[in-house]
Amino acid sequence: MTAKKTPKPKKAKKNWRGTPSPDGLSHKKNETVRRCLATRETLPPERLIRFCVSPDRALVPDLARKLPGRGLWVTADKDLIAEAVAKGLFAKAAHAKLTYPDDLDALIRTLFVKRLQSLLGFAKKAGLVVSGFEKSAEALTKKQAFCLLEATDAATDGREKLNRLRGDTPVLSVLSADETARALGAGMGVHTVLKAGGPVDLFVAEAKRFGAYCKNEQV
């Protein structure tokens, strides 16, 4: 009696789509990437902004990448997104005539701020937020900080004092004091230390994407 051959295990499917970006960054072959409509580069989703088309054919920014429908992706860069609109790249990719928000840039900025505020709220609930100058200084001195969040309108002297304490701790400045306080509570918006943890990792990644979108201008 002839023995049955053992079937070979199936190879896992890879999520690789496209070719590596020429920007010098390496992407693993099993890493999901998307192609930018404007540059045609393939990049990780964390470096792009996803858009989708509503049933009434309006272009909708989808920062959380959760809305239904086919995604239209552009590098997180305000100029490239404006270029994609001006050249009709969204409409071409969607194979439809689209309508656009009156001020797409302002809408994207507002959505970024709301998303960052939500992530800050989660980080606070997880006990990963220390706010206020004295508490932030103490956390930096004790090396408890994953990153330092400074309000975009924080006073220069306070920034300089904490900068002398932070060493190589990264610093982010993407929300105003009022925007931060709305997420954390009154009086907690100028100087904030974030400790390592899931919500903070997401916040930092999103803050970097927002900074890239605004070209690291004072946002």
Foldseek 3Di string as FASTA:
>chain_A
DDDDDDDDDDDDDAQADDDAFPPPDDDDRRAHWDAALQPRHTDHCLQKWWWAADPVQEIGTDRVPPDDDDTHIHGLAQVSVVVCVVVVSVCVVVVHDHHYDPDNPVVVLVVLLVVLLVLLLVQVVVVFKDFDLVRLLVCLQVVQFQAKEAELPADPVSVVVSVVRNVPRHYAYAHHQVSNCVSVNPPGRGIMGGGDDDSVVVSVSSSVSNCNNVVVDSD
